[in-house]
Amino acid sequence: QVQLVESGGGLVQPGGSLRLSCAASGFTLDYYHIGWFRQAPGKERDLVARISTSSVTNYADSVKGRFSISRDNVKNTMYLQMNVLKPEDTAFYYCNTVPPIGVFWGQGTQVTVSS
């Protein structure tokens, strides 16, 4: 069964950090460009960070310099290190291939940045 499971979200104060994880099963991440997406209430789901099969990374301007995406092909897992979090980073975070494959969408993990 193909599955992506996100974890690591939570409530954090502005300026804090979180590390999100995305564990894949049923397929191998090695063969795909992969990324983290986020969706805030009432907004569309947007790509915030991408890592290619050769580990080249790209970031949305809103998170550049604060977020870092990585992949561990041995563990079949990807990560998103989020630093200097801001209230506007509050959203559900999802991982998927880039471009996304519909059936790969998981439940996401909620990140709330608030004092």
Protein backbone atom coordinates (compact mmCIF):
# COMPACT_ATOMS: atom_id res chain seq x y z
CA GLN A 1 0.00 0.00 0.00
CA VAL A 2 1.41 3.35 -1.05
CA GLN A 3 1.46 5.76 1.85
CA LEU A 4 3.07 8.99 3.02
CA VAL A 5 2.79 9.77 6.72
CA GLU A 6 3.66 13.19 8.05
CA SER A 7 4.58 13.86 11.67
CA GLY A 8 6.27 16.39 13.91
CA GLY A 9 3.80 19.25 13.88
CA GLY A 10 2.57 21.06 16.95
CA LEU A 11 2.15 24.37 18.71
CA VAL A 12 5.22 26.57 18.87
CA GLN A 13 5.87 30.19 19.81
CA PRO A 14 7.03 32.70 17.22
CA GLY A 15 10.76 32.34 16.69
CA GLY A 16 10.69 28.67 17.59
CA SER A 17 11.60 25.59 15.58
CA LEU A 18 10.01 22.34 14.50
CA ARG A 19 11.21 19.39 12.47
CA LEU A 20 8.68 17.61 10.30
CA SER A 21 9.13 14.06 9.04
CA CYS A 22 7.53 12.25 6.12
CA ALA A 23 7.82 8.47 6.01
CA ALA A 24 7.08 6.72 2.73
CA SER A 25 5.93 3.13 2.33
CA GLY A 26 4.91 1.10 -0.67
CA PHE A 27 7.20 3.00 -3.01
CA THR A 28 10.75 4.36 -3.07
CA LEU A 29 11.36 8.07 -2.66
CA ASP A 30 14.72 7.79 -4.44
CA TYR A 31 13.09 7.96 -7.85
CA TYR A 32 11.11 11.14 -7.27
CA HIS A 33 11.55 14.84 -6.79
CA ILE A 34 9.75 15.43 -3.50
CA GLY A 35 8.53 18.37 -1.51
CA TRP A 36 6.61 19.88 1.35
CA PHE A 37 3.35 21.68 0.78
CA ARG A 38 1.22 23.68 3.18
CA GLN A 39 -2.36 24.80 3.33
CA ALA A 40 -3.66 27.49 5.61
CA PRO A 41 -7.39 27.83 6.34
CA GLY A 42 -9.21 29.26 3.34
CA LYS A 43 -6.13 29.16 1.13
CA GLU A 44 -4.77 26.89 -1.56
CA ARG A 45 -2.16 24.23 -0.95
CA ASP A 46 1.22 25.61 -1.96
CA LEU A 47 4.66 24.11 -2.40
CA VAL A 48 7.11 25.56 0.12
CA ALA A 49 10.19 23.39 -0.35
CA ARG A 50 11.40 20.94 -2.96
CA ILE A 51 14.34 18.55 -3.19
CA SER A 52 15.30 16.83 -6.41
CA THR A 53 16.51 13.29 -6.89
CA SER A 54 20.05 14.73 -6.86
CA SER A 55 19.30 16.71 -3.66
CA VAL A 56 19.10 20.13 -5.25
CA THR A 57 16.79 22.23 -3.10
CA ASN A 58 14.37 25.07 -3.86
CA TYR A 59 12.27 27.15 -1.50
CA ALA A 60 9.36 29.53 -1.66
CA ASP A 61 10.45 33.09 -0.99
CA SER A 62 8.36 33.16 2.18
CA VAL A 63 10.45 30.43 3.84
CA LYS A 64 13.85 30.90 2.21
CA GLY A 65 16.61 31.09 4.81
CA ARG A 66 14.38 29.69 7.56
CA PHE A 67 13.34 26.25 6.30
CA SER A 68 15.57 23.39 5.19
CA ILE A 69 14.42 20.29 3.33
CA SER A 70 16.37 17.04 3.31
CA ARG A 71 15.93 13.43 2.35
CA ASP A 72 17.23 10.12 3.68
CA ASN A 73 16.91 7.56 0.93
CA VAL A 74 18.04 4.74 3.23
CA LYS A 75 15.19 5.45 5.64
CA ASN A 76 12.83 6.35 2.77
CA THR A 77 12.02 9.53 4.66
CA MET A 78 12.12 13.26 4.05
CA TYR A 79 12.34 16.10 6.55
CA LEU A 80 11.58 19.77 6.88
CA GLN A 81 13.53 21.73 9.47
CA MET A 82 11.64 24.92 10.23
CA ASN A 83 13.39 27.69 12.15
CA VAL A 84 12.40 31.22 13.13
CA LEU A 85 8.75 30.29 12.76
CA LYS A 86 6.22 33.05 12.21
CA PRO A 87 2.46 33.14 12.79
CA GLU A 88 1.97 33.14 9.02
CA ASP A 89 3.61 29.70 8.88
CA THR A 90 0.52 28.30 10.61
CA ALA A 91 -0.97 25.64 8.32
CA PHE A 92 -1.36 21.96 7.66
CA TYR A 93 1.86 20.61 6.15
CA TYR A 94 1.89 17.77 3.63
CA CYS A 95 4.58 15.90 1.76
CA ASN A 96 4.30 14.53 -1.76
CA THR A 97 6.18 14.07 -4.97
CA VAL A 98 6.76 17.11 -7.15
CA PRO A 99 4.58 17.39 -9.12
CA PRO A 100 2.20 15.83 -6.61
CA ILE A 101 0.48 12.50 -7.18
CA GLY A 102 -3.08 12.64 -5.95
CA VAL A 103 -3.24 9.25 -4.29
CA PHE A 104 -0.08 10.00 -2.31
CA TRP A 105 -1.64 12.80 -0.23
CA GLY A 106 -1.58 11.92 3.46
CA GLN A 107 -3.37 13.42 6.43
CA GLY A 108 -0.80 16.11 6.96
CA THR A 109 0.55 17.48 10.20
CA GLN A 110 -0.67 20.69 11.76
CA VAL A 111 1.72 23.48 12.63
CA THR A 112 0.47 26.34 14.75
CA VAL A 113 2.71 29.31 15.51
CA SER A 114 1.24 31.41 18.28
CA SER A 115 2.19 33.06 21.53
